[in-house]
Amino acid sequence: MDIGILAAIAMLAVWAAGTFAFSPAPDWLHGLLTAGVFLLIWRIVVRGTPSPRAPGAAPGPRADRR
């Protein structure tokens, strides 16, 4: 698992616990929600994006199946 995804989950866990611990939740606590969701989505997208091939590189293993 990616360290960024683990950090995002940790931020969201601290946000969830802090929401119930503080009666009026402070602004920095909502910043954890924003940062945690952003980081989680960003790392999932980065993991799913294939790396670009260099120009002139050999075709991938599935190129002959067309």
PDB file of N, CA and C in Angstrom:
ATOM      1  N   MET A   1       0.842  -1.171   0.000  1.00  0.00           N
ATOM      2  CA  MET A   1       0.000   0.000   0.000  1.00  0.00           C
ATOM      3  C   MET A   1       0.894   1.245   0.000  1.00  0.00           C
ATOM      4  N   ASP A   2       0.434   2.257  -0.654  1.00  0.00           N
ATOM      5  CA  ASP A   2       1.165   3.516  -0.812  1.00  0.00           C
ATOM      6  C   ASP A   2       1.190   4.293   0.508  1.00  0.00           C
ATOM      7  N   ILE A   3       2.316   4.945   0.803  1.00  0.00           N
ATOM      8  CA  ILE A   3       2.445   5.726   2.036  1.00  0.00           C
ATOM      9  C   ILE A   3       1.498   6.927   2.010  1.00  0.00           C
ATOM     10  N   GLY A   4       1.229   7.471   0.831  1.00  0.00           N
ATOM     11  CA  GLY A   4       0.291   8.584   0.714  1.00  0.00           C
ATOM     12  C   GLY A   4      -1.125   8.178   1.069  1.00  0.00           C
ATOM     13  N   ILE A   5      -1.526   6.990   0.674  1.00  0.00           N
ATOM     14  CA  ILE A   5      -2.864   6.493   1.015  1.00  0.00           C
ATOM     15  C   ILE A   5      -2.960   6.256   2.519  1.00  0.00           C
ATOM     16  N   LEU A   6      -1.905   5.712   3.106  1.00  0.00           N
ATOM     17  CA  LEU A   6      -1.921   5.507   4.552  1.00  0.00           C
ATOM     18  C   LEU A   6      -1.986   6.838   5.310  1.00  0.00           C
ATOM     19  N   ALA A   7      -1.269   7.845   4.821  1.00  0.00           N
ATOM     20  CA  ALA A   7      -1.314   9.167   5.451  1.00  0.00           C
ATOM     21  C   ALA A   7      -2.708   9.780   5.329  1.00  0.00           C
ATOM     22  N   ALA A   8      -3.345   9.604   4.184  1.00  0.00           N
ATOM     23  CA  ALA A   8      -4.698  10.126   3.989  1.00  0.00           C
ATOM     24  C   ALA A   8      -5.691   9.447   4.926  1.00  0.00           C
ATOM     25  N   ILE A   9      -5.571   8.156   5.084  1.00  0.00           N
ATOM     26  CA  ILE A   9      -6.468   7.428   5.982  1.00  0.00           C
ATOM     27  C   ILE A   9      -6.229   7.856   7.432  1.00  0.00           C
ATOM     28  N   ALA A  10      -4.972   8.096   7.781  1.00  0.00           N
ATOM     29  CA  ALA A  10      -4.668   8.577   9.133  1.00  0.00           C
ATOM     30  C   ALA A  10      -5.269   9.959   9.367  1.00  0.00           C
ATOM     31  N   MET A  11      -5.173  10.853   8.375  1.00  0.00           N
ATOM     32  CA  MET A  11      -5.783  12.183   8.497  1.00  0.00           C
ATOM     33  C   MET A  11      -7.294  12.087   8.686  1.00  0.00           C
ATOM     34  N   LEU A  12      -7.917  11.216   7.924  1.00  0.00           N
ATOM     35  CA  LEU A  12      -9.369  11.064   8.034  1.00  0.00           C
ATOM     36  C   LEU A  12      -9.764  10.452   9.379  1.00  0.00           C
ATOM     37  N   ALA A  13      -8.940   9.560   9.905  1.00  0.00           N
ATOM     38  CA  ALA A  13      -9.229   8.977  11.219  1.00  0.00           C
ATOM     39  C   ALA A  13      -9.099  10.019  12.325  1.00  0.00           C
ATOM     40  N   VAL A  14      -8.072  10.877  12.240  1.00  0.00           N
ATOM     41  CA  VAL A  14      -7.915  11.951  13.228  1.00  0.00           C
ATOM     42  C   VAL A  14      -9.069  12.938  13.117  1.00  0.00           C
ATOM     43  N   TRP A  15      -9.484  13.229  11.888  1.00  0.00           N
ATOM     44  CA  TRP A  15     -10.625  14.135  11.695  1.00  0.00           C
ATOM     45  C   TRP A  15     -11.894  13.544  12.307  1.00  0.00           C
ATOM     46  N   ALA A  16     -12.149  12.265  12.073  1.00  0.00           N
ATOM     47  CA  ALA A  16     -13.358  11.623  12.594  1.00  0.00           C
ATOM     48  C   ALA A  16     -13.352  11.611  14.121  1.00  0.00           C
ATOM     49  N   ALA A  17     -12.216  11.287  14.716  1.00  0.00           N
ATOM     50  CA  ALA A  17     -12.138  11.271  16.181  1.00  0.00           C
ATOM     51  C   ALA A  17     -12.260  12.682  16.744  1.00  0.00           C
ATOM     52  N   GLY A  18     -11.625  13.645  16.100  1.00  0.00           N
ATOM     53  CA  GLY A  18     -11.672  15.020  16.569  1.00  0.00           C
ATOM     54  C   GLY A  18     -13.033  15.652  16.455  1.00  0.00           C
ATOM     55  N   THR A  19     -13.805  15.216  15.476  1.00  0.00           N
ATOM     56  CA  THR A  19     -15.154  15.752  15.306  1.00  0.00           C
ATOM     57  C   THR A  19     -16.016  15.432  16.519  1.00  0.00           C
ATOM     58  N   PHE A  20     -15.848  14.249  17.065  1.00  0.00           N
ATOM     59  CA  PHE A  20     -16.634  13.871  18.241  1.00  0.00           C
ATOM     60  C   PHE A  20     -15.991  14.351  19.546  1.00  0.00           C
ATOM     61  N   ALA A  21     -14.692  14.584  19.529  1.00  0.00           N
ATOM     62  CA  ALA A  21     -14.002  14.998  20.750  1.00  0.00           C
ATOM     63  C   ALA A  21     -14.228  16.475  21.071  1.00  0.00           C
ATOM     64  N   PHE A  22     -14.252  17.318  20.034  1.00  0.00           N
ATOM     65  CA  PHE A  22     -14.464  18.752  20.232  1.00  0.00           C
ATOM     66  C   PHE A  22     -15.919  19.073  19.951  1.00  0.00           C
ATOM     67  N   SER A  23     -16.529  19.849  20.844  1.00  0.00           N
ATOM     68  CA  SER A  23     -17.934  20.203  20.648  1.00  0.00           C
ATOM     69  C   SER A  23     -18.113  21.105  19.428  1.00  0.00           C
ATOM     70  N   PRO A  24     -17.576  22.325  19.414  1.00  0.00           N
ATOM     71  CA  PRO A  24     -17.515  23.030  18.121  1.00  0.00           C
ATOM     72  C   PRO A  24     -16.151  22.736  17.496  1.00  0.00           C
ATOM     73  N   ALA A  25     -16.145  22.012  16.418  1.00  0.00           N
ATOM     74  CA  ALA A  25     -14.877  21.597  15.805  1.00  0.00           C
ATOM     75  C   ALA A  25     -14.121  22.810  15.264  1.00  0.00           C
ATOM     76  N   PRO A  26     -12.821  22.924  15.590  1.00  0.00           N
ATOM     77  CA  PRO A  26     -12.033  24.064  15.098  1.00  0.00           C
ATOM     78  C   PRO A  26     -11.748  23.956  13.596  1.00  0.00           C
ATOM     79  N   ASP A  27     -11.335  25.067  13.015  1.00  0.00           N
ATOM     80  CA  ASP A  27     -11.116  25.112  11.571  1.00  0.00           C
ATOM     81  C   ASP A  27      -9.992  24.191  11.114  1.00  0.00           C
ATOM     82  N   TRP A  28      -8.929  24.060  11.904  1.00  0.00           N
ATOM     83  CA  TRP A  28      -7.824  23.206  11.484  1.00  0.00           C
ATOM     84  C   TRP A  28      -8.256  21.753  11.375  1.00  0.00           C
ATOM     85  N   LEU A  29      -9.288  21.391  12.138  1.00  0.00           N
ATOM     86  CA  LEU A  29      -9.779  20.019  12.077  1.00  0.00           C
ATOM     87  C   LEU A  29     -10.453  19.752  10.731  1.00  0.00           C
ATOM     88  N   HIS A  30     -11.174  20.742  10.221  1.00  0.00           N
ATOM     89  CA  HIS A  30     -11.798  20.580   8.910  1.00  0.00           C
ATOM     90  C   HIS A  30     -10.750  20.613   7.804  1.00  0.00           C
ATOM     91  N   GLY A  31      -9.610  21.230   8.072  1.00  0.00           N
ATOM     92  CA  GLY A  31      -8.498  21.183   7.132  1.00  0.00           C
ATOM     93  C   GLY A  31      -7.968  19.765   6.959  1.00  0.00           C
ATOM     94  N   LEU A  32      -8.025  18.976   8.019  1.00  0.00           N
ATOM     95  CA  LEU A  32      -7.621  17.562   7.911  1.00  0.00           C
ATOM     96  C   LEU A  32      -8.558  16.792   6.983  1.00  0.00           C
ATOM     97  N   LEU A  33      -9.833  17.108   7.036  1.00  0.00           N
ATOM     98  CA  LEU A  33     -10.792  16.463   6.132  1.00  0.00           C
ATOM     99  C   LEU A  33     -10.466  16.809   4.686  1.00  0.00           C
ATOM    100  N   THR A  34     -10.256  18.095   4.427  1.00  0.00           N
ATOM    101  CA  THR A  34      -9.964  18.536   3.067  1.00  0.00           C
ATOM    102  C   THR A  34      -8.661  17.917   2.559  1.00  0.00           C
ATOM    103  N   ALA A  35      -7.608  17.985   3.357  1.00  0.00           N
ATOM    104  CA  ALA A  35      -6.312  17.442   2.948  1.00  0.00           C
ATOM    105  C   ALA A  35      -6.356  15.921   2.807  1.00  0.00           C
ATOM    106  N   GLY A  36      -7.057  15.254   3.705  1.00  0.00           N
ATOM    107  CA  GLY A  36      -7.136  13.799   3.646  1.00  0.00           C
ATOM    108  C   GLY A  36      -7.860  13.292   2.416  1.00  0.00           C
ATOM    109  N   VAL A  37      -8.983  13.915   2.087  1.00  0.00           N
ATOM    110  CA  VAL A  37      -9.734  13.492   0.895  1.00  0.00           C
ATOM    111  C   VAL A  37      -8.936  13.816  -0.366  1.00  0.00           C
ATOM    112  N   PHE A  38      -8.327  15.009  -0.413  1.00  0.00           N
ATOM    113  CA  PHE A  38      -7.512  15.383  -1.572  1.00  0.00           C
ATOM    114  C   PHE A  38      -6.370  14.393  -1.770  1.00  0.00           C
ATOM    115  N   LEU A  39      -5.643  14.091  -0.707  1.00  0.00           N
ATOM    116  CA  LEU A  39      -4.500  13.184  -0.802  1.00  0.00           C
ATOM    117  C   LEU A  39      -4.933  11.782  -1.202  1.00  0.00           C
ATOM    118  N   LEU A  40      -6.043  11.323  -0.658  1.00  0.00           N
ATOM    119  CA  LEU A  40      -6.526   9.981  -0.990  1.00  0.00           C
ATOM    120  C   LEU A  40      -6.895   9.882  -2.467  1.00  0.00           C
ATOM    121  N   ILE A  41      -7.643  10.847  -2.976  1.00  0.00           N
ATOM    122  CA  ILE A  41      -8.035  10.818  -4.395  1.00  0.00           C
ATOM    123  C   ILE A  41      -6.807  10.952  -5.287  1.00  0.00           C
ATOM    124  N   TRP A  42      -5.892  11.852  -4.921  1.00  0.00           N
ATOM    125  CA  TRP A  42      -4.695  12.069  -5.731  1.00  0.00           C
ATOM    126  C   TRP A  42      -3.854  10.807  -5.829  1.00  0.00           C
ATOM    127  N   ARG A  43      -3.627  10.135  -4.707  1.00  0.00           N
ATOM    128  CA  ARG A  43      -2.794   8.936  -4.730  1.00  0.00           C
ATOM    129  C   ARG A  43      -3.467   7.784  -5.469  1.00  0.00           C
ATOM    130  N   ILE A  44      -4.790   7.671  -5.388  1.00  0.00           N
ATOM    131  CA  ILE A  44      -5.487   6.617  -6.139  1.00  0.00           C
ATOM    132  C   ILE A  44      -5.375   6.873  -7.631  1.00  0.00           C
ATOM    133  N   VAL A  45      -5.512   8.122  -8.050  1.00  0.00           N
ATOM    134  CA  VAL A  45      -5.395   8.449  -9.476  1.00  0.00           C
ATOM    135  C   VAL A  45      -3.971   8.212  -9.966  1.00  0.00           C
ATOM    136  N   VAL A  46      -2.978   8.599  -9.171  1.00  0.00           N
ATOM    137  CA  VAL A  46      -1.585   8.404  -9.576  1.00  0.00           C
ATOM    138  C   VAL A  46      -1.261   6.920  -9.702  1.00  0.00           C
ATOM    139  N   ARG A  47      -1.798   6.107  -8.813  1.00  0.00           N
ATOM    140  CA  ARG A  47      -1.528   4.658  -8.893  1.00  0.00           C
ATOM    141  C   ARG A  47      -2.140   4.035 -10.129  1.00  0.00           C
ATOM    142  N   GLY A  48      -3.284   4.555 -10.573  1.00  0.00           N
ATOM    143  CA  GLY A  48      -3.972   3.964 -11.719  1.00  0.00           C
ATOM    144  C   GLY A  48      -3.533   4.500 -13.063  1.00  0.00           C
ATOM    145  N   THR A  49      -2.725   5.553 -13.089  1.00  0.00           N
ATOM    146  CA  THR A  49      -2.272   6.140 -14.346  1.00  0.00           C
ATOM    147  C   THR A  49      -1.037   5.400 -14.843  1.00  0.00           C
ATOM    148  N   PRO A  50      -1.093   4.870 -16.073  1.00  0.00           N
ATOM    149  CA  PRO A  50       0.088   4.173 -16.585  1.00  0.00           C
ATOM    150  C   PRO A  50       1.204   5.169 -16.897  1.00  0.00           C
ATOM    151  N   SER A  51       2.416   4.729 -16.729  1.00  0.00           N
ATOM    152  CA  SER A  51       3.552   5.601 -17.030  1.00  0.00           C
ATOM    153  C   SER A  51       3.703   5.726 -18.548  1.00  0.00           C
ATOM    154  N   PRO A  52       4.051   6.905 -19.033  1.00  0.00           N
ATOM    155  CA  PRO A  52       4.177   7.085 -20.485  1.00  0.00           C
ATOM    156  C   PRO A  52       5.411   6.354 -21.027  1.00  0.00           C
ATOM    157  N   ARG A  53       5.281   5.871 -22.241  1.00  0.00           N
ATOM    158  CA  ARG A  53       6.416   5.207 -22.873  1.00  0.00           C
ATOM    159  C   ARG A  53       7.263   6.238 -23.593  1.00  0.00           C
ATOM    160  N   ALA A  54       8.532   5.976 -23.689  1.00  0.00           N
ATOM    161  CA  ALA A  54       9.437   6.869 -24.411  1.00  0.00           C
ATOM    162  C   ALA A  54       9.185   6.730 -25.913  1.00  0.00           C
ATOM    163  N   PRO A  55       9.350   7.817 -26.680  1.00  0.00           N
ATOM    164  CA  PRO A  55       9.180   7.716 -28.137  1.00  0.00           C
ATOM    165  C   PRO A  55      10.192   6.731 -28.717  1.00  0.00           C
ATOM    166  N   GLY A  56       9.714   5.878 -29.581  1.00  0.00           N
ATOM    167  CA  GLY A  56      10.591   4.893 -30.204  1.00  0.00           C
ATOM    168  C   GLY A  56      10.801   3.648 -29.377  1.00  0.00           C
ATOM    169  N   ALA A  57      10.141   3.552 -28.217  1.00  0.00           N
ATOM    170  CA  ALA A  57      10.296   2.353 -27.378  1.00  0.00           C
ATOM    171  C   ALA A  57       9.540   1.199 -28.001  1.00  0.00           C
ATOM    172  N   ALA A  58       9.929   0.012 -27.629  1.00  0.00           N
ATOM    173  CA  ALA A  58       9.268  -1.185 -28.140  1.00  0.00           C
ATOM    174  C   ALA A  58       7.815  -1.212 -27.660  1.00  0.00           C
ATOM    175  N   PRO A  59       6.923  -1.729 -28.489  1.00  0.00           N
ATOM    176  CA  PRO A  59       5.517  -1.804 -28.083  1.00  0.00           C
ATOM    177  C   PRO A  59       5.353  -2.757 -26.910  1.00  0.00           C
ATOM    178  N   GLY A  60       4.254  -2.584 -26.209  1.00  0.00           N
ATOM    179  CA  GLY A  60       3.970  -3.421 -25.056  1.00  0.00           C
ATOM    180  C   GLY A  60       3.649  -4.848 -25.442  1.00  0.00           C
ATOM    181  N   PRO A  61       3.446  -5.732 -24.478  1.00  0.00           N
ATOM    182  CA  PRO A  61       3.219  -7.148 -24.760  1.00  0.00           C
ATOM    183  C   PRO A  61       1.901  -7.406 -25.475  1.00  0.00           C
ATOM    184  N   ARG A  62       0.940  -6.510 -25.423  1.00  0.00           N
ATOM    185  CA  ARG A  62      -0.368  -6.743 -26.035  1.00  0.00           C
ATOM    186  C   ARG A  62      -0.493  -6.079 -27.404  1.00  0.00           C
ATOM    187  N   ALA A  63       0.558  -5.527 -27.931  1.00  0.00           N
ATOM    188  CA  ALA A  63       0.495  -4.811 -29.215  1.00  0.00           C
ATOM    189  C   ALA A  63       0.196  -5.747 -30.371  1.00  0.00           C
ATOM    190  N   ASP A  64       0.563  -7.021 -30.289  1.00  0.00           N
ATOM    191  CA  ASP A  64       0.346  -7.949 -31.394  1.00  0.00           C
ATOM    192  C   ASP A  64      -1.064  -8.531 -31.408  1.00  0.00           C
ATOM    193  N   ARG A  65      -1.900  -8.230 -30.437  1.00  0.00           N
ATOM    194  CA  ARG A  65      -3.246  -8.805 -30.354  1.00  0.00           C
ATOM    195  C   ARG A  65      -4.292  -7.988 -31.105  1.00  0.00           C
ATOM    196  N   ARG A  66      -3.899  -6.993 -31.857  1.00  0.00           N
ATOM    197  CA  ARG A  66      -4.872  -6.129 -32.559  1.00  0.00           C
ATOM    198  C   ARG A  66      -5.422  -6.787 -33.775  1.00  0.00           C
TER     199      ARG A  66
END
